[in-house]
Amino acid sequence: MTKHNDEIFKDKTLSLDDHHYYGCTFHNCKLVFVGNAAFTLNANHLYNSSIVMGGAALITIRALGYLYHSGAKALVESIFDAIRRNKDLPDSGVVLG
């Protein structure tokens, strides 16, 4: 795990996997998450920056889209409702249904 505290990043492509950013500022950056490890973003400022999903993270996003449009809309919405309420999802996985 790599920790970053109060750092300023400009015009960088940075990994989110296994990185923890606290109080950092990102200008024109790409933050890449592929789903290999957890990450933390806390009290940061993003300016003209983006989050890019790849690997297992992108597969998960696509799977949620497929489920949503294949009749499991309410189940997918329940996951997003938990996220909106800032409720932690279990490490053992999410049970749909």
C-alpha atoms as a PDB file:
ATOM      1  CA  MET A   1       0.000   0.000   0.000  1.00  0.00           C
ATOM      2  CA  THR A   2       1.323   3.395  -0.993  1.00  0.00           C
ATOM      3  CA  LYS A   3       0.137   6.455   0.933  1.00  0.00           C
ATOM      4  CA  HIS A   4       0.067   9.976  -0.475  1.00  0.00           C
ATOM      5  CA  ASN A   5      -0.612  12.884   1.863  1.00  0.00           C
ATOM      6  CA  ASP A   6      -1.227  16.461   0.709  1.00  0.00           C
ATOM      7  CA  GLU A   7       0.585  15.956  -2.609  1.00  0.00           C
ATOM      8  CA  ILE A   8      -0.076  17.902  -5.815  1.00  0.00           C
ATOM      9  CA  PHE A   9      -0.172  15.978  -9.097  1.00  0.00           C
ATOM     10  CA  LYS A  10      -0.222  17.645 -12.519  1.00  0.00           C
ATOM     11  CA  ASP A  11      -0.601  16.009 -15.948  1.00  0.00           C
ATOM     12  CA  LYS A  12      -0.078  12.497 -14.566  1.00  0.00           C
ATOM     13  CA  THR A  13      -1.558   9.062 -15.085  1.00  0.00           C
ATOM     14  CA  LEU A  14      -1.772   7.492 -11.638  1.00  0.00           C
ATOM     15  CA  SER A  15      -2.840   4.101 -10.375  1.00  0.00           C
ATOM     16  CA  LEU A  16      -5.576   3.890  -7.775  1.00  0.00           C
ATOM     17  CA  ASP A  17      -5.020   0.192  -7.047  1.00  0.00           C
ATOM     18  CA  ASP A  18      -3.313  -0.213  -3.653  1.00  0.00           C
ATOM     19  CA  HIS A  19      -2.792   3.568  -3.307  1.00  0.00           C
ATOM     20  CA  HIS A  20      -4.279   5.786  -0.640  1.00  0.00           C
ATOM     21  CA  TYR A  21      -4.636   9.504  -1.386  1.00  0.00           C
ATOM     22  CA  TYR A  22      -5.386  11.890   1.493  1.00  0.00           C
ATOM     23  CA  GLY A  23      -5.764  15.632   0.942  1.00  0.00           C
ATOM     24  CA  CYS A  24      -4.166  15.526  -2.499  1.00  0.00           C
ATOM     25  CA  THR A  25      -4.815  17.778  -5.473  1.00  0.00           C
ATOM     26  CA  PHE A  26      -5.033  16.445  -9.028  1.00  0.00           C
ATOM     27  CA  HIS A  27      -4.795  18.746 -12.068  1.00  0.00           C
ATOM     28  CA  ASN A  28      -5.349  17.206 -15.534  1.00  0.00           C
ATOM     29  CA  CYS A  29      -4.767  13.693 -14.230  1.00  0.00           C
ATOM     30  CA  LYS A  30      -6.058  10.251 -15.131  1.00  0.00           C
ATOM     31  CA  LEU A  31      -6.695   8.046 -12.114  1.00  0.00           C
ATOM     32  CA  VAL A  32      -6.726   4.429 -13.272  1.00  0.00           C
ATOM     33  CA  PHE A  33      -8.480   1.628 -11.390  1.00  0.00           C
ATOM     34  CA  VAL A  34      -8.212  -1.948 -12.678  1.00  0.00           C
ATOM     35  CA  GLY A  35      -9.573  -3.723  -9.614  1.00  0.00           C
ATOM     36  CA  ASN A  36      -6.462  -5.511  -8.360  1.00  0.00           C
ATOM     37  CA  ALA A  37      -6.526  -3.914  -4.898  1.00  0.00           C
ATOM     38  CA  ALA A  38      -8.578  -1.512  -2.812  1.00  0.00           C
ATOM     39  CA  PHE A  39      -7.827   2.205  -2.730  1.00  0.00           C
ATOM     40  CA  THR A  40      -8.712   5.295  -0.732  1.00  0.00           C
ATOM     41  CA  LEU A  41      -9.634   8.784  -1.914  1.00  0.00           C
ATOM     42  CA  ASN A  42     -10.247  11.087   1.040  1.00  0.00           C
ATOM     43  CA  ALA A  43     -10.572  14.888   1.077  1.00  0.00           C
ATOM     44  CA  ASN A  44      -8.937  15.302  -2.334  1.00  0.00           C
ATOM     45  CA  HIS A  45      -9.510  17.932  -5.023  1.00  0.00           C
ATOM     46  CA  LEU A  46      -9.817  16.932  -8.683  1.00  0.00           C
ATOM     47  CA  TYR A  47      -9.561  19.553 -11.426  1.00  0.00           C
ATOM     48  CA  ASN A  48     -10.066  18.547 -15.047  1.00  0.00           C
ATOM     49  CA  SER A  49      -9.215  14.981 -14.061  1.00  0.00           C
ATOM     50  CA  SER A  50     -10.872  11.647 -14.771  1.00  0.00           C
ATOM     51  CA  ILE A  51     -11.179   8.167 -13.351  1.00  0.00           C
ATOM     52  CA  VAL A  52     -10.534   5.397 -15.857  1.00  0.00           C
ATOM     53  CA  MET A  53     -11.784   1.845 -15.250  1.00  0.00           C
ATOM     54  CA  GLY A  54      -9.983  -1.126 -16.758  1.00  0.00           C
ATOM     55  CA  GLY A  55      -9.416  -4.825 -16.113  1.00  0.00           C
ATOM     56  CA  ALA A  56     -11.609  -6.433 -13.469  1.00  0.00           C
ATOM     57  CA  ALA A  57     -13.110  -3.053 -12.532  1.00  0.00           C
ATOM     58  CA  LEU A  58     -14.359  -2.528 -16.085  1.00  0.00           C
ATOM     59  CA  ILE A  59     -15.705  -6.083 -16.228  1.00  0.00           C
ATOM     60  CA  THR A  60     -17.657  -5.400 -13.023  1.00  0.00           C
ATOM     61  CA  ILE A  61     -19.116  -2.147 -14.405  1.00  0.00           C
ATOM     62  CA  ARG A  62     -20.158  -3.964 -17.590  1.00  0.00           C
ATOM     63  CA  ALA A  63     -21.682  -6.832 -15.584  1.00  0.00           C
ATOM     64  CA  LEU A  64     -23.790  -4.356 -13.602  1.00  0.00           C
ATOM     65  CA  GLY A  65     -24.959  -2.832 -16.887  1.00  0.00           C
ATOM     66  CA  TYR A  66     -25.892  -6.244 -18.285  1.00  0.00           C
ATOM     67  CA  LEU A  67     -27.777  -7.141 -15.102  1.00  0.00           C
ATOM     68  CA  TYR A  68     -29.576  -3.801 -15.049  1.00  0.00           C
ATOM     69  CA  HIS A  69     -30.809  -4.197 -18.628  1.00  0.00           C
ATOM     70  CA  SER A  70     -31.620  -7.912 -18.262  1.00  0.00           C
ATOM     71  CA  GLY A  71     -34.354  -7.668 -15.658  1.00  0.00           C
ATOM     72  CA  ALA A  72     -32.321  -7.146 -12.490  1.00  0.00           C
ATOM     73  CA  LYS A  73     -32.782  -3.373 -12.353  1.00  0.00           C
ATOM     74  CA  ALA A  74     -34.021  -3.368  -8.736  1.00  0.00           C
ATOM     75  CA  LEU A  75     -31.087  -5.462  -7.563  1.00  0.00           C
ATOM     76  CA  VAL A  76     -28.535  -3.177  -9.199  1.00  0.00           C
ATOM     77  CA  GLU A  77     -30.348  -0.129  -7.796  1.00  0.00           C
ATOM     78  CA  SER A  78     -30.090  -1.661  -4.299  1.00  0.00           C
ATOM     79  CA  ILE A  79     -26.295  -1.718  -4.660  1.00  0.00           C
ATOM     80  CA  PHE A  80     -26.270   1.935  -5.718  1.00  0.00           C
ATOM     81  CA  ASP A  81     -28.633   2.827  -2.860  1.00  0.00           C
ATOM     82  CA  ALA A  82     -26.148   1.299  -0.391  1.00  0.00           C
ATOM     83  CA  ILE A  83     -23.359   3.321  -2.021  1.00  0.00           C
ATOM     84  CA  ARG A  84     -25.431   6.523  -1.852  1.00  0.00           C
ATOM     85  CA  ARG A  85     -26.049   5.920   1.870  1.00  0.00           C
ATOM     86  CA  ASN A  86     -22.282   5.386   2.311  1.00  0.00           C
ATOM     87  CA  LYS A  87     -23.014   1.923   3.658  1.00  0.00           C
ATOM     88  CA  ASP A  88     -20.054  -0.439   3.483  1.00  0.00           C
ATOM     89  CA  LEU A  89     -20.581  -3.470   1.307  1.00  0.00           C
ATOM     90  CA  PRO A  90     -19.421  -6.768   2.827  1.00  0.00           C
ATOM     91  CA  ASP A  91     -15.932  -8.026   1.958  1.00  0.00           C
ATOM     92  CA  SER A  92     -17.458 -11.441   1.330  1.00  0.00           C
ATOM     93  CA  GLY A  93     -19.365 -10.082  -1.637  1.00  0.00           C
ATOM     94  CA  VAL A  94     -22.762  -8.721  -2.487  1.00  0.00           C
ATOM     95  CA  VAL A  95     -25.704 -11.106  -2.609  1.00  0.00           C
ATOM     96  CA  LEU A  96     -28.271 -10.129  -5.203  1.00  0.00           C
ATOM     97  CA  GLY A  97     -31.799 -11.243  -4.539  1.00  0.00           C
END
